[in-house]
Amino acid sequence: MRKLLLLASSGIANILSFQLTICLRVIRNAWHFYYALRLVFKVLCGSFSIALLTP
């Protein structure tokens, strides 16, 4: 009986750690997307402002 409970609890722990890993992976991807988007926006706005300053 004790072995069965131990196996069940370790299975739940594995599922929870797997879900946590997926969530962290999604968060990491979101941060990478945010910084890439910010960089693109900076480059485009920088080019546009330089174009406005040139005669």
N, C-alpha and C. Protein backbone atom coordinates (compact mmCIF):
# COMPACT_ATOMS: atom_id res chain seq x y z
N MET A 1 0.83 -1.19 0.00
CA MET A 1 0.00 0.00 0.00
C MET A 1 0.87 1.26 0.00
N ARG A 2 1.91 1.23 0.81
CA ARG A 2 2.80 2.38 0.91
C ARG A 2 3.53 2.61 -0.42
N LYS A 3 3.93 1.50 -1.07
CA LYS A 3 4.61 1.60 -2.35
C LYS A 3 3.69 2.23 -3.40
N LEU A 4 2.44 1.86 -3.37
CA LEU A 4 1.47 2.39 -4.33
C LEU A 4 1.29 3.89 -4.14
N LEU A 5 1.22 4.34 -2.89
CA LEU A 5 1.09 5.77 -2.62
C LEU A 5 2.33 6.52 -3.06
N LEU A 6 3.48 5.92 -2.84
CA LEU A 6 4.74 6.54 -3.25
C LEU A 6 4.80 6.68 -4.77
N LEU A 7 4.39 5.63 -5.48
CA LEU A 7 4.38 5.69 -6.94
C LEU A 7 3.38 6.72 -7.44
N ALA A 8 2.23 6.80 -6.81
CA ALA A 8 1.21 7.77 -7.23
C ALA A 8 1.70 9.19 -6.98
N SER A 9 2.32 9.42 -5.83
CA SER A 9 2.78 10.78 -5.54
C SER A 9 3.95 11.17 -6.44
N SER A 10 4.82 10.22 -6.78
CA SER A 10 5.93 10.56 -7.68
C SER A 10 5.41 10.81 -9.09
N GLY A 11 4.36 10.11 -9.49
CA GLY A 11 3.76 10.35 -10.80
C GLY A 11 3.16 11.74 -10.88
N ILE A 12 2.48 12.15 -9.82
CA ILE A 12 1.90 13.49 -9.78
C ILE A 12 3.00 14.54 -9.79
N ALA A 13 4.08 14.28 -9.06
CA ALA A 13 5.20 15.22 -9.03
C ALA A 13 5.82 15.35 -10.41
N ASN A 14 5.94 14.24 -11.12
CA ASN A 14 6.49 14.29 -12.48
C ASN A 14 5.60 15.10 -13.41
N ILE A 15 4.30 14.91 -13.29
CA ILE A 15 3.36 15.66 -14.13
C ILE A 15 3.44 17.14 -13.81
N LEU A 16 3.49 17.48 -12.52
CA LEU A 16 3.57 18.89 -12.13
C LEU A 16 4.87 19.53 -12.59
N SER A 17 5.97 18.80 -12.46
CA SER A 17 7.25 19.37 -12.90
C SER A 17 7.28 19.52 -14.42
N PHE A 18 6.64 18.60 -15.13
CA PHE A 18 6.56 18.71 -16.59
C PHE A 18 5.73 19.93 -16.99
N GLN A 19 4.61 20.15 -16.30
CA GLN A 19 3.77 21.32 -16.59
C GLN A 19 4.53 22.61 -16.28
N LEU A 20 5.27 22.62 -15.19
CA LEU A 20 6.06 23.79 -14.82
C LEU A 20 7.13 24.07 -15.87
N THR A 21 7.75 23.00 -16.38
CA THR A 21 8.76 23.16 -17.42
C THR A 21 8.15 23.77 -18.67
N ILE A 22 6.97 23.31 -19.05
CA ILE A 22 6.29 23.86 -20.23
C ILE A 22 5.96 25.33 -20.01
N CYS A 23 5.46 25.66 -18.83
CA CYS A 23 5.12 27.06 -18.53
C CYS A 23 6.35 27.95 -18.58
N LEU A 24 7.45 27.49 -18.03
CA LEU A 24 8.68 28.28 -18.05
C LEU A 24 9.22 28.44 -19.47
N ARG A 25 9.05 27.40 -20.28
CA ARG A 25 9.49 27.49 -21.67
C ARG A 25 8.67 28.53 -22.42
N VAL A 26 7.38 28.57 -22.17
CA VAL A 26 6.51 29.56 -22.81
C VAL A 26 6.89 30.96 -22.36
N ILE A 27 7.17 31.13 -21.07
CA ILE A 27 7.56 32.45 -20.56
C ILE A 27 8.88 32.88 -21.19
N ARG A 28 9.84 31.96 -21.31
CA ARG A 28 11.12 32.29 -21.92
C ARG A 28 10.93 32.70 -23.38
N ASN A 29 10.08 31.98 -24.09
CA ASN A 29 9.81 32.34 -25.49
C ASN A 29 9.15 33.70 -25.59
N ALA A 30 8.28 34.01 -24.65
CA ALA A 30 7.61 35.32 -24.65
C ALA A 30 8.62 36.44 -24.42
N TRP A 31 9.57 36.23 -23.52
CA TRP A 31 10.58 37.26 -23.27
C TRP A 31 11.46 37.46 -24.49
N HIS A 32 11.85 36.37 -25.16
CA HIS A 32 12.66 36.50 -26.37
C HIS A 32 11.89 37.26 -27.44
N PHE A 33 10.61 36.95 -27.59
CA PHE A 33 9.79 37.65 -28.57
C PHE A 33 9.69 39.13 -28.24
N TYR A 34 9.51 39.45 -26.96
CA TYR A 34 9.39 40.84 -26.53
C TYR A 34 10.66 41.62 -26.86
N TYR A 35 11.82 41.05 -26.53
CA TYR A 35 13.07 41.76 -26.79
C TYR A 35 13.35 41.87 -28.29
N ALA A 36 13.02 40.86 -29.07
CA ALA A 36 13.21 40.92 -30.52
C ALA A 36 12.30 41.99 -31.12
N LEU A 37 11.06 42.04 -30.66
CA LEU A 37 10.12 43.05 -31.16
C LEU A 37 10.58 44.45 -30.79
N ARG A 38 11.10 44.59 -29.58
CA ARG A 38 11.61 45.89 -29.13
C ARG A 38 12.79 46.34 -29.98
N LEU A 39 13.68 45.40 -30.30
CA LEU A 39 14.83 45.72 -31.13
C LEU A 39 14.40 46.16 -32.53
N VAL A 40 13.46 45.44 -33.12
CA VAL A 40 12.96 45.80 -34.45
C VAL A 40 12.33 47.18 -34.41
N PHE A 41 11.54 47.44 -33.40
CA PHE A 41 10.89 48.75 -33.27
C PHE A 41 11.93 49.86 -33.13
N LYS A 42 12.98 49.61 -32.35
CA LYS A 42 14.05 50.60 -32.17
C LYS A 42 14.76 50.89 -33.48
N VAL A 43 15.06 49.85 -34.23
CA VAL A 43 15.77 50.01 -35.50
C VAL A 43 14.91 50.78 -36.49
N LEU A 44 13.63 50.42 -36.58
CA LEU A 44 12.75 51.10 -37.52
C LEU A 44 12.54 52.56 -37.14
N CYS A 45 12.33 52.83 -35.87
CA CYS A 45 12.14 54.21 -35.44
C CYS A 45 13.43 55.02 -35.58
N GLY A 46 14.56 54.39 -35.33
CA GLY A 46 15.84 55.07 -35.49
C GLY A 46 16.08 55.45 -36.94
N SER A 47 15.78 54.53 -37.85
CA SER A 47 15.95 54.82 -39.27
C SER A 47 15.00 55.92 -39.71
N PHE A 48 13.79 55.89 -39.20
CA PHE A 48 12.79 56.90 -39.57
C PHE A 48 13.19 58.28 -39.06
N SER A 49 13.70 58.35 -37.84
CA SER A 49 14.09 59.65 -37.29
C SER A 49 15.32 60.20 -38.00
N ILE A 50 16.25 59.33 -38.40
CA ILE A 50 17.41 59.79 -39.17
C ILE A 50 16.96 60.32 -40.53
N ALA A 51 15.98 59.64 -41.13
CA ALA A 51 15.47 60.10 -42.43
C ALA A 51 14.79 61.46 -42.29
N LEU A 52 14.15 61.71 -41.18
CA LEU A 52 13.49 63.00 -40.97
C LEU A 52 14.51 64.12 -40.75
N LEU A 53 15.65 63.79 -40.16
CA LEU A 53 16.65 64.80 -39.86
C LEU A 53 17.49 65.19 -41.08
N THR A 54 17.58 64.31 -42.07
CA THR A 54 18.39 64.63 -43.24
C THR A 54 17.62 65.59 -44.15
N PRO A 55 18.32 66.54 -44.75
CA PRO A 55 17.61 67.52 -45.61
C PRO A 55 17.19 66.95 -46.95
